[in-house]
Amino acid sequence: MKLVRIGPARTISAMETVVKPIPQLARAFEARGRSLYLVGGCVRDSLLSLPVSDYDCTTDAPPDEIKHLVHAAGADSVYAVGERFGTIGAIFVDQRVEITTYRTETYTAGDRKPHVEFGATLEDDLSRRDFTINAMARPALGGDLVDPYGGQADLAAGLVRAVGIPDERFREDPLRLLRGVRFVAQFSFTLEPKTRESIARNCATLQTISAERIAQEMNKILLARQPGGAVRQLCELGLMPWIVPEFLDLRKEAAGGARHKDNFSHTLMVLDRTPPVLTVRWGALLHDIAKPRVMAVEEDEVHFYGHEQMGREMASRILRRLRFDRATSDRVAHIVALSGRGNSYDGDWTDGAVRRFVREAGDALEDLFMLSRADVTSRRIERVRAAEQRVADLQARCAQLDAEADLARLRPPIDGLELMELFGREPGPWIRPIKDRLLTMVLDGDLAPDDKESAIAIARAMLEDGPQEV
């Protein structure tokens, strides 16, 4: 993202055509003698000429009065998103607006929940915010930008600077340690030196934050335009031990000084090469996570045998620890387990091998193709192009075979119940080898899915030739 140089403060009229609720809200508040200011991210993003989706406002009206005024302004629904902290939310058609009473906060050591007092001024309210670029306000009906901490200048300079004393801001809410890195990643900004020093100094306080909140910030970091640099900063600032400590092991070197690819730098490059799809970005972050655990040196060559399968287990544990839902955790673990398959394609795969790959990938197939294209970080352009062509060829073959048959519905001509009935046997481990053999023959095109007669003959031969109990 290019650094945006910001000119004189704009009036709110430029936003009125985009955000219809804001002027009508402001007029309702003004009619009662109350102030209403746009504040925080919506002001920051509008100054950066970025799209604004949700709007935060602040006011001198208490929460009960806010509820009355948003109803009067025609809100479709009103909800108490954090009423005891002074915040009331409202929906106008499909536009969300949250309005918070001016407030001051005091914190007890070790407790992230503040003691809130209303009746503060706008300037007092802005003083409690995290970074200067988020501590600006603008009158909702137009007027001068309120910017007591130099947020506009920091936007122009591309700096993320804590409001006031950095240590105090981060001790109030240690999640701000991650938010600082996230803003750097989202806007291609730089941490102001004292703010950076404070983040490193207070890094261990991140362990007091819930796994869910850490995961939410990590998702935003990973979906930034260039997440690799942000992940590097998480490691350099001492934050990664409280997020994914296993990631730091990627810096491990092989015994005896044997040379191998720098797995740490490679992973950061892969991250930057992937599209902003959350499961793909997490898959990229974790696709080599197990390599340090399985690293082996044989005749001065470094090997990572079985790292994909161990990586599956590690990825699953990591995401469960961060309280991800089961579907996301399973999908990322599945991507990690299959992460090397796409780039191992050499054109000699049989149709059956391609079909098996598609079936094994399931609905993560497109995610795997995205990761496979990114997972070639050679400096030799011809190697990168050759790898990309292999993935493109595999993708084309998958599409061709998918057009020829509904792969997800391919089944052996006879199932387990039919096998038990045909041979008069009880359920048991004798069924699985027969079903696997029949399915493989179907996938390879050696057996038609509806050829029951041949399938029965094959099953009978297997029962006669091999051990019948496992």
Protein backbone atom coordinates (compact mmCIF):
# COMPACT_ATOMS: atom_id res chain seq x y z
CA MET A 1 0.00 0.00 0.00
CA LYS A 2 1.39 3.39 -0.93
CA LEU A 3 1.86 5.92 1.82
CA VAL A 4 -0.99 8.39 1.60
CA ARG A 5 -0.04 12.00 2.23
CA ILE A 6 -2.90 13.74 3.94
CA GLY A 7 -3.86 17.28 3.13
CA PRO A 8 -6.07 19.66 5.15
CA ALA A 9 -8.86 18.11 7.20
CA ARG A 10 -11.92 17.41 5.09
CA THR A 11 -15.49 18.16 6.09
CA ILE A 12 -17.91 15.39 6.75
CA SER A 13 -20.05 16.35 3.76
CA ALA A 14 -17.90 14.10 1.56
CA MET A 15 -19.09 11.12 3.61
CA GLU A 16 -22.78 12.01 3.81
CA THR A 17 -23.58 10.49 0.43
CA VAL A 18 -22.09 7.22 1.64
CA VAL A 19 -23.39 7.10 5.21
CA LYS A 20 -26.98 8.30 5.30
CA PRO A 21 -27.61 7.53 9.03
CA ILE A 22 -24.84 9.83 10.26
CA PRO A 23 -26.41 13.22 9.36
CA GLN A 24 -29.86 12.21 10.64
CA LEU A 25 -28.31 10.88 13.83
CA ALA A 26 -26.32 14.08 14.27
CA ARG A 27 -29.41 16.25 13.81
CA ALA A 28 -31.32 14.19 16.40
CA PHE A 29 -28.49 14.67 18.92
CA GLU A 30 -28.12 18.36 18.07
CA ALA A 31 -31.86 18.92 18.64
CA ARG A 32 -31.38 17.70 22.23
CA GLY A 33 -28.31 19.87 22.75
CA ARG A 34 -25.95 16.90 22.53
CA SER A 35 -22.71 16.53 20.58
CA LEU A 36 -21.97 13.65 18.23
CA TYR A 37 -18.55 12.92 16.79
CA LEU A 38 -17.26 10.27 14.42
CA VAL A 39 -14.23 8.74 16.08
CA GLY A 40 -11.53 6.11 15.70
CA GLY A 41 -11.21 3.80 12.72
CA CYS A 42 -13.82 5.41 10.51
CA VAL A 43 -12.06 8.78 10.76
CA ARG A 44 -8.66 7.18 10.19
CA ASP A 45 -9.79 5.20 7.15
CA SER A 46 -11.62 8.13 5.58
CA LEU A 47 -8.44 10.22 5.87
CA LEU A 48 -6.58 7.39 4.13
CA SER A 49 -9.27 7.31 1.41
CA LEU A 50 -10.08 3.72 2.37
CA PRO A 51 -13.61 2.27 2.36
CA VAL A 52 -15.44 2.52 5.67
CA SER A 53 -17.93 -0.18 6.59
CA ASP A 54 -18.82 0.46 10.23
CA TYR A 55 -19.02 3.72 12.11
CA ASP A 56 -18.08 4.49 15.71
CA CYS A 57 -19.29 7.68 17.33
CA THR A 58 -18.82 9.32 20.69
CA THR A 59 -21.13 11.71 22.53
CA ASP A 60 -21.75 13.56 25.78
CA ALA A 61 -25.19 11.88 26.04
CA PRO A 62 -25.50 9.04 28.62
CA PRO A 63 -26.42 5.52 27.40
CA ASP A 64 -30.15 5.78 28.23
CA GLU A 65 -30.41 8.98 26.24
CA ILE A 66 -28.42 7.48 23.33
CA LYS A 67 -31.04 4.72 23.05
CA HIS A 68 -33.84 7.27 22.91
CA LEU A 69 -32.05 9.41 20.29
CA VAL A 70 -31.16 6.54 17.93
CA HIS A 71 -34.80 5.43 18.01
CA ALA A 72 -35.83 9.00 17.22
CA ALA A 73 -33.39 9.03 14.30
CA GLY A 74 -35.17 6.04 12.75
CA ALA A 75 -32.94 3.09 13.69
CA ASP A 76 -34.28 -0.28 12.56
CA SER A 77 -32.91 -1.94 15.68
CA VAL A 78 -31.00 -0.94 18.80
CA TYR A 79 -28.79 -3.22 20.88
CA ALA A 80 -26.79 -2.75 24.07
CA VAL A 81 -23.42 -3.95 22.79
CA GLY A 82 -21.67 -2.77 25.97
CA GLU A 83 -24.12 -0.57 27.84
CA ARG A 84 -22.33 -0.72 31.18
CA PHE A 85 -19.26 0.65 29.38
CA GLY A 86 -21.38 3.29 27.69
CA THR A 87 -21.78 1.77 24.21
CA ILE A 88 -25.09 1.45 22.34
CA GLY A 89 -25.33 -0.07 18.86
CA ALA A 90 -27.88 0.64 16.17
CA ILE A 91 -28.71 -0.72 12.73
CA PHE A 92 -30.00 1.55 9.97
CA VAL A 93 -31.09 -0.70 7.07
CA ASP A 94 -27.75 -2.55 6.63
CA GLN A 95 -25.46 0.04 8.25
CA ARG A 96 -24.08 -0.55 11.75
CA VAL A 97 -23.32 2.40 14.03
CA GLU A 98 -22.00 2.20 17.60
CA ILE A 99 -22.18 5.22 19.89
CA THR A 100 -20.27 5.52 23.16
CA THR A 101 -20.61 8.08 25.93
CA TYR A 102 -17.48 10.14 26.68
CA ARG A 103 -15.73 8.25 29.42
CA THR A 104 -12.56 7.83 31.40
CA GLU A 105 -11.14 4.47 32.48
CA THR A 106 -8.99 3.26 35.35
CA TYR A 107 -7.53 -0.22 35.57
CA THR A 108 -6.58 -2.47 38.45
CA ALA A 109 -3.31 -4.33 37.95
CA GLY A 110 -3.93 -7.69 36.32
CA ASP A 111 -7.57 -6.91 35.50
CA ARG A 112 -8.41 -5.94 31.91
CA LYS A 113 -11.93 -4.78 32.79
CA PRO A 114 -11.77 -1.04 33.53
CA HIS A 115 -13.65 1.04 36.03
CA VAL A 116 -15.58 3.43 33.79
CA GLU A 117 -16.73 6.92 34.66
CA PHE A 118 -18.96 9.01 32.40
CA GLY A 119 -19.09 12.78 32.19
CA ALA A 120 -15.64 13.23 30.68
CA THR A 121 -14.81 15.59 27.84
CA LEU A 122 -14.10 14.58 24.25
CA GLU A 123 -10.40 15.17 24.84
CA ASP A 124 -10.48 12.93 27.94
CA ASP A 125 -12.21 10.26 25.88
CA LEU A 126 -9.58 10.42 23.13
CA SER A 127 -6.79 10.14 25.71
CA ARG A 128 -7.86 6.57 26.61
CA ARG A 129 -7.50 5.27 23.06
CA ASP A 130 -4.65 3.05 21.89
CA PHE A 131 -2.82 4.79 19.03
CA THR A 132 -2.75 8.36 17.77
CA ILE A 133 -4.15 7.33 14.38
CA ASN A 134 -7.25 6.07 16.23
CA ALA A 135 -7.50 9.06 18.59
CA MET A 136 -9.04 11.55 16.18
CA ALA A 137 -12.64 12.74 16.02
CA ARG A 138 -14.74 14.76 13.61
CA PRO A 139 -18.09 16.47 14.22
CA ALA A 140 -20.79 14.35 12.62
CA LEU A 141 -22.37 17.41 10.97
CA GLY A 142 -19.05 18.71 9.69
CA GLY A 143 -16.28 20.82 11.11
CA ASP A 144 -12.63 20.72 12.07
CA LEU A 145 -10.79 17.53 12.89
CA VAL A 146 -10.16 17.08 16.61
CA ASP A 147 -6.64 15.68 16.81
CA PRO A 148 -4.97 16.35 20.19
CA TYR A 149 -2.26 13.68 19.79
CA GLY A 150 -1.03 14.29 16.25
CA GLY A 151 -2.77 11.35 14.60
CA GLN A 152 -3.08 13.12 11.26
CA ALA A 153 0.67 13.83 11.17
CA ASP A 154 1.40 10.19 12.08
CA LEU A 155 -0.86 9.01 9.26
CA ALA A 156 1.08 11.22 6.85
CA ALA A 157 4.38 9.89 8.21
CA GLY A 158 3.19 6.28 8.24
CA LEU A 159 3.75 5.81 11.97
CA VAL A 160 1.91 3.74 14.58
CA ARG A 161 2.42 5.62 17.85
CA ALA A 162 0.83 4.90 21.23
CA VAL A 163 -1.25 7.67 22.80
CA GLY A 164 0.54 9.26 25.75
CA ILE A 165 2.81 6.90 27.70
CA PRO A 166 3.08 3.61 25.74
CA ASP A 167 3.60 1.38 28.79
CA GLU A 168 0.35 2.62 30.31
CA ARG A 169 -1.63 2.03 27.12
CA PHE A 170 -0.36 -1.55 26.77
CA ARG A 171 -0.84 -2.44 30.42
CA GLU A 172 -4.46 -1.28 30.18
CA ASP A 173 -5.10 -3.83 27.45
CA PRO A 174 -2.22 -6.07 26.32
CA LEU A 175 -4.13 -6.98 23.17
CA ARG A 176 -2.98 -3.56 21.95
CA LEU A 177 0.47 -5.13 21.55
CA LEU A 178 -0.95 -7.19 18.70
CA ARG A 179 -3.11 -4.37 17.38
CA GLY A 180 0.00 -2.25 16.89
CA VAL A 181 1.59 -4.92 14.73
CA ARG A 182 -1.69 -5.40 12.89
CA PHE A 183 -1.92 -1.72 11.92
CA VAL A 184 1.66 -1.85 10.67
CA ALA A 185 0.72 -4.80 8.46
CA GLN A 186 -2.58 -3.37 7.23
CA PHE A 187 -1.27 0.06 6.28
CA SER A 188 2.40 -0.71 5.54
CA PHE A 189 3.32 1.65 8.39
CA THR A 190 6.21 1.59 10.87
CA LEU A 191 6.16 1.32 14.66
CA GLU A 192 7.30 4.55 16.27
CA PRO A 193 10.54 3.71 18.17
CA LYS A 194 9.27 4.29 21.76
CA THR A 195 6.09 2.38 20.96
CA ARG A 196 8.14 -0.49 19.55
CA GLU A 197 10.38 -0.56 22.63
CA SER A 198 7.34 -0.64 24.89
CA ILE A 199 5.77 -3.53 22.98
CA ALA A 200 8.96 -5.56 23.40
CA ARG A 201 9.17 -4.59 27.07
CA ASN A 202 5.57 -5.62 27.79
CA CYS A 203 5.39 -8.64 25.48
CA ALA A 204 4.85 -11.17 28.28
CA THR A 205 1.60 -9.47 29.33
CA LEU A 206 0.02 -10.91 26.20
CA GLN A 207 -0.31 -14.20 28.10
CA THR A 208 -3.12 -12.62 30.15
CA ILE A 209 -5.30 -12.23 27.04
CA SER A 210 -7.80 -14.93 26.09
CA ALA A 211 -6.95 -17.27 23.24
CA GLU A 212 -10.08 -16.16 21.36
CA ARG A 213 -9.04 -12.49 21.31
CA ILE A 214 -5.49 -13.36 20.26
CA ALA A 215 -6.84 -15.52 17.43
CA GLN A 216 -9.07 -12.69 16.19
CA GLU A 217 -6.10 -10.33 15.95
CA MET A 218 -3.95 -12.99 14.31
CA ASN A 219 -6.64 -13.50 11.68
CA LYS A 220 -6.53 -9.80 10.85
CA ILE A 221 -2.73 -9.82 10.73
CA LEU A 222 -2.67 -12.84 8.42
CA LEU A 223 -5.23 -11.26 6.09
CA ALA A 224 -3.13 -8.10 5.69
CA ARG A 225 -1.57 -7.38 2.32
CA GLN A 226 1.93 -8.43 3.39
CA PRO A 227 1.61 -10.62 6.51
CA GLY A 228 5.15 -12.01 6.37
CA GLY A 229 6.76 -8.87 7.76
CA ALA A 230 4.19 -8.69 10.55
CA VAL A 231 4.86 -12.30 11.58
CA ARG A 232 8.59 -11.53 11.61
CA GLN A 233 7.87 -8.59 13.94
CA LEU A 234 5.80 -10.80 16.24
CA CYS A 235 8.89 -12.96 16.62
CA GLU A 236 11.35 -10.08 17.01
CA LEU A 237 9.19 -8.28 19.59
CA GLY A 238 8.76 -11.39 21.77
CA LEU A 239 5.03 -11.82 21.11
CA MET A 240 5.11 -15.11 19.21
CA PRO A 241 5.84 -17.24 22.33
CA TRP A 242 2.31 -16.37 23.50
CA ILE A 243 0.68 -17.06 20.12
CA VAL A 244 2.34 -19.95 18.23
CA PRO A 245 5.57 -20.71 20.12
CA GLU A 246 6.26 -23.68 17.85
CA PHE A 247 6.83 -21.26 14.98
CA LEU A 248 10.07 -20.03 16.54
CA ASP A 249 11.58 -23.52 16.08
CA LEU A 250 11.67 -22.94 12.32
CA ARG A 251 14.93 -21.07 12.92
CA LYS A 252 16.54 -24.33 14.04
CA GLU A 253 19.64 -25.35 12.10
CA ALA A 254 20.67 -28.89 11.20
CA ALA A 255 23.19 -30.75 13.31
CA GLY A 256 26.77 -30.67 12.09
CA GLY A 257 26.22 -27.51 10.08
CA ALA A 258 24.58 -29.30 7.16
CA ARG A 259 23.02 -26.73 4.85
CA HIS A 260 19.31 -26.62 4.13
CA LYS A 261 16.60 -24.17 3.16
CA ASP A 262 15.87 -21.47 5.72
CA ASN A 263 12.43 -22.69 6.78
CA PHE A 264 11.68 -19.53 8.74
CA SER A 265 12.31 -17.08 5.89
CA HIS A 266 10.74 -19.46 3.38
CA THR A 267 7.50 -19.56 5.40
CA LEU A 268 7.30 -15.77 5.53
CA MET A 269 7.79 -15.60 1.76
CA VAL A 270 5.08 -18.21 1.18
CA LEU A 271 2.72 -16.20 3.39
CA ASP A 272 3.25 -13.11 1.26
CA ARG A 273 2.69 -15.08 -1.95
CA THR A 274 -0.67 -16.56 -0.93
CA PRO A 275 -4.00 -14.81 -1.61
CA PRO A 276 -5.84 -13.37 1.42
CA VAL A 277 -7.91 -16.46 2.20
CA LEU A 278 -7.84 -17.18 5.93
CA THR A 279 -7.50 -20.98 5.78
CA VAL A 280 -4.79 -20.66 3.10
CA ARG A 281 -2.87 -18.08 5.13
CA TRP A 282 -2.99 -20.27 8.26
CA GLY A 283 -2.00 -23.25 6.11
CA ALA A 284 0.96 -21.26 4.77
CA LEU A 285 2.02 -20.24 8.28
CA LEU A 286 1.93 -23.84 9.54
CA HIS A 287 2.80 -25.90 6.43
CA ASP A 288 6.40 -26.52 7.57
CA ILE A 289 5.74 -26.27 11.31
CA ALA A 290 6.87 -29.87 11.97
CA LYS A 291 10.16 -29.73 10.03
CA PRO A 292 12.29 -28.91 13.09
CA ARG A 293 10.78 -31.93 14.88
CA VAL A 294 11.67 -34.44 12.15
CA MET A 295 14.90 -32.92 10.82
CA ALA A 296 17.51 -35.58 10.07
CA VAL A 297 20.94 -35.48 8.44
CA GLU A 298 22.04 -38.39 6.26
CA GLU A 299 25.37 -38.14 4.44
CA ASP A 300 25.37 -34.34 4.83
CA GLU A 301 21.89 -34.07 3.35
CA VAL A 302 19.02 -32.74 5.43
CA HIS A 303 15.68 -34.58 5.29
CA PHE A 304 12.28 -33.89 6.82
CA TYR A 305 10.61 -37.29 6.58
CA GLY A 306 6.95 -37.30 7.53
CA HIS A 307 6.75 -33.61 8.35
CA GLU A 308 3.36 -33.19 6.62
CA GLN A 309 1.60 -35.77 8.80
CA MET A 310 3.19 -34.52 11.98
CA GLY A 311 2.36 -31.03 10.78
CA ARG A 312 -1.29 -32.02 10.54
CA GLU A 313 -1.29 -33.03 14.20
CA MET A 314 0.59 -29.90 15.30
CA ALA A 315 -1.64 -27.56 13.28
CA SER A 316 -4.72 -29.15 14.79
CA ARG A 317 -3.36 -28.72 18.33
CA ILE A 318 -2.29 -25.12 17.70
CA LEU A 319 -5.65 -24.03 16.31
CA ARG A 320 -7.59 -25.84 19.03
CA ARG A 321 -5.42 -24.08 21.59
CA LEU A 322 -6.40 -20.77 19.96
CA ARG A 323 -10.06 -21.82 20.24
CA PHE A 324 -10.78 -22.03 16.52
CA ASP A 325 -13.95 -23.80 15.51
CA ARG A 326 -13.63 -27.45 14.54
CA ALA A 327 -14.30 -26.89 10.83
CA THR A 328 -11.53 -24.29 10.43
CA SER A 329 -9.07 -26.30 12.52
CA ASP A 330 -9.72 -29.48 10.53
CA ARG A 331 -9.48 -27.69 7.18
CA VAL A 332 -6.14 -26.03 7.98
CA ALA A 333 -4.73 -29.29 9.36
CA HIS A 334 -5.87 -31.04 6.18
CA ILE A 335 -4.15 -28.41 4.02
CA VAL A 336 -0.93 -28.82 6.00
CA ALA A 337 -1.04 -32.61 5.60
CA LEU A 338 -1.40 -32.33 1.82
CA SER A 339 0.72 -29.20 1.34
CA GLY A 340 3.48 -30.96 -0.59
CA ARG A 341 1.31 -33.03 -2.90
CA GLY A 342 0.58 -30.44 -5.57
CA ASN A 343 4.22 -29.61 -6.16
CA SER A 344 5.14 -33.30 -6.36
CA TYR A 345 3.04 -33.70 -9.53
CA ASP A 346 5.27 -34.63 -12.46
CA GLY A 347 2.79 -35.31 -15.25
CA ASP A 348 3.15 -39.09 -14.95
CA TRP A 349 0.29 -39.56 -12.50
CA THR A 350 -2.37 -41.95 -13.69
CA ASP A 351 -5.96 -40.78 -13.85
CA GLY A 352 -6.58 -42.92 -10.79
CA ALA A 353 -3.82 -41.11 -8.86
CA VAL A 354 -5.32 -37.73 -9.81
CA ARG A 355 -8.78 -38.92 -8.76
CA ARG A 356 -7.43 -40.11 -5.42
CA PHE A 357 -5.76 -36.73 -4.88
CA VAL A 358 -9.05 -34.93 -5.60
CA ARG A 359 -11.01 -37.20 -3.27
CA GLU A 360 -8.41 -36.84 -0.52
CA ALA A 361 -8.31 -33.05 -0.89
CA GLY A 362 -12.10 -32.77 -0.79
CA ASP A 363 -13.41 -29.24 -0.52
CA ALA A 364 -9.92 -27.95 0.32
CA LEU A 365 -8.71 -28.59 -3.25
CA GLU A 366 -8.68 -24.92 -4.31
CA ASP A 367 -6.94 -23.94 -1.07
CA LEU A 368 -4.23 -26.50 -1.84
CA PHE A 369 -3.69 -25.12 -5.32
CA MET A 370 -3.31 -21.61 -3.87
CA LEU A 371 -0.72 -22.85 -1.37
CA SER A 372 1.11 -24.95 -3.95
CA ARG A 373 1.61 -21.95 -6.23
CA ALA A 374 2.98 -19.91 -3.31
CA ASP A 375 5.21 -22.68 -1.97
CA VAL A 376 8.02 -22.14 -4.46
CA THR A 377 10.32 -19.38 -3.29
CA SER A 378 13.39 -20.02 -5.42
CA ARG A 379 15.33 -17.04 -6.70
CA ARG A 380 15.61 -18.81 -10.04
CA ILE A 381 12.68 -17.61 -12.08
CA GLU A 382 12.73 -20.69 -14.31
CA ARG A 383 12.17 -22.95 -11.28
CA VAL A 384 9.26 -20.83 -10.12
CA ARG A 385 7.67 -20.87 -13.56
CA ALA A 386 8.14 -24.63 -13.90
CA ALA A 387 6.51 -25.22 -10.52
CA GLU A 388 3.60 -22.94 -11.36
CA GLN A 389 3.13 -24.82 -14.64
CA ARG A 390 3.05 -28.17 -12.81
CA VAL A 391 0.32 -26.92 -10.52
CA ALA A 392 -1.60 -25.48 -13.49
CA ASP A 393 -1.31 -28.82 -15.32
CA LEU A 394 -2.55 -30.73 -12.28
CA GLN A 395 -5.43 -28.34 -11.84
CA ALA A 396 -6.39 -28.75 -15.49
CA ARG A 397 -6.34 -32.55 -15.19
CA CYS A 398 -8.50 -32.39 -12.07
CA ALA A 399 -11.00 -30.22 -13.89
CA GLN A 400 -11.02 -32.54 -16.90
CA LEU A 401 -11.62 -35.65 -14.81
CA ASP A 402 -14.24 -33.86 -12.76
CA ALA A 403 -16.07 -33.04 -15.97
CA GLU A 404 -15.98 -36.71 -16.96
CA ALA A 405 -17.34 -38.07 -13.69
CA ASP A 406 -18.73 -36.93 -10.39
CA LEU A 407 -15.70 -37.96 -8.35
CA ALA A 408 -17.31 -37.36 -5.00
CA ARG A 409 -19.98 -39.94 -5.80
CA LEU A 410 -17.74 -42.69 -7.13
CA ARG A 411 -18.29 -45.80 -5.03
CA PRO A 412 -17.49 -49.50 -5.33
CA PRO A 413 -20.25 -51.48 -7.12
CA ILE A 414 -21.06 -53.30 -3.85
CA ASP A 415 -21.02 -52.02 -0.28
CA GLY A 416 -20.34 -53.65 3.07
CA LEU A 417 -23.93 -54.75 3.66
CA GLU A 418 -24.05 -56.46 0.27
CA LEU A 419 -20.73 -58.19 0.97
CA MET A 420 -22.02 -59.59 4.27
CA GLU A 421 -25.22 -60.80 2.62
CA LEU A 422 -23.43 -62.34 -0.38
CA PHE A 423 -20.93 -64.30 1.69
CA GLY A 424 -22.99 -64.92 4.82
CA ARG A 425 -20.39 -63.32 7.10
CA GLU A 426 -20.62 -61.08 10.14
CA PRO A 427 -19.28 -57.50 10.15
CA GLY A 428 -15.52 -57.37 10.61
CA PRO A 429 -12.14 -56.16 9.31
CA TRP A 430 -12.40 -58.49 6.29
CA ILE A 431 -14.67 -55.93 4.56
CA ARG A 432 -12.29 -52.95 4.36
CA PRO A 433 -9.58 -54.50 2.10
CA ILE A 434 -12.23 -55.62 -0.39
CA LYS A 435 -13.92 -52.21 -0.51
CA ASP A 436 -10.55 -50.44 -0.85
CA ARG A 437 -9.50 -52.73 -3.72
CA LEU A 438 -12.80 -52.23 -5.55
CA LEU A 439 -12.68 -48.44 -5.08
CA THR A 440 -9.10 -48.28 -6.36
CA MET A 441 -10.12 -50.21 -9.47
CA VAL A 442 -13.03 -47.82 -10.02
CA LEU A 443 -10.76 -44.78 -9.62
CA ASP A 444 -8.22 -46.28 -12.01
CA GLY A 445 -10.90 -46.99 -14.57
CA ASP A 446 -10.43 -50.77 -14.34
CA LEU A 447 -13.91 -51.41 -12.96
CA ALA A 448 -17.18 -49.71 -13.85
CA PRO A 449 -19.07 -48.31 -10.84
CA ASP A 450 -22.13 -50.35 -11.80
CA ASP A 451 -20.37 -53.65 -12.65
CA LYS A 452 -21.58 -55.72 -9.69
CA GLU A 453 -20.89 -59.07 -11.37
CA SER A 454 -17.17 -58.34 -11.76
CA ALA A 455 -17.01 -56.82 -8.28
CA ILE A 456 -18.48 -60.00 -6.73
CA ALA A 457 -15.96 -62.16 -8.58
CA ILE A 458 -13.07 -60.00 -7.37
CA ALA A 459 -14.35 -60.08 -3.79
CA ARG A 460 -14.74 -63.87 -3.91
CA ALA A 461 -11.19 -64.27 -5.24
CA MET A 462 -9.81 -62.05 -2.47
CA LEU A 463 -11.58 -64.07 0.19
CA GLU A 464 -10.28 -67.31 -1.27
CA ASP A 465 -6.69 -66.16 -1.77
CA GLY A 466 -5.90 -64.00 1.23
CA PRO A 467 -6.20 -64.20 4.99
CA GLN A 468 -9.82 -63.70 5.88
CA GLU A 469 -9.34 -62.26 9.33
CA VAL A 470 -7.18 -59.29 10.31
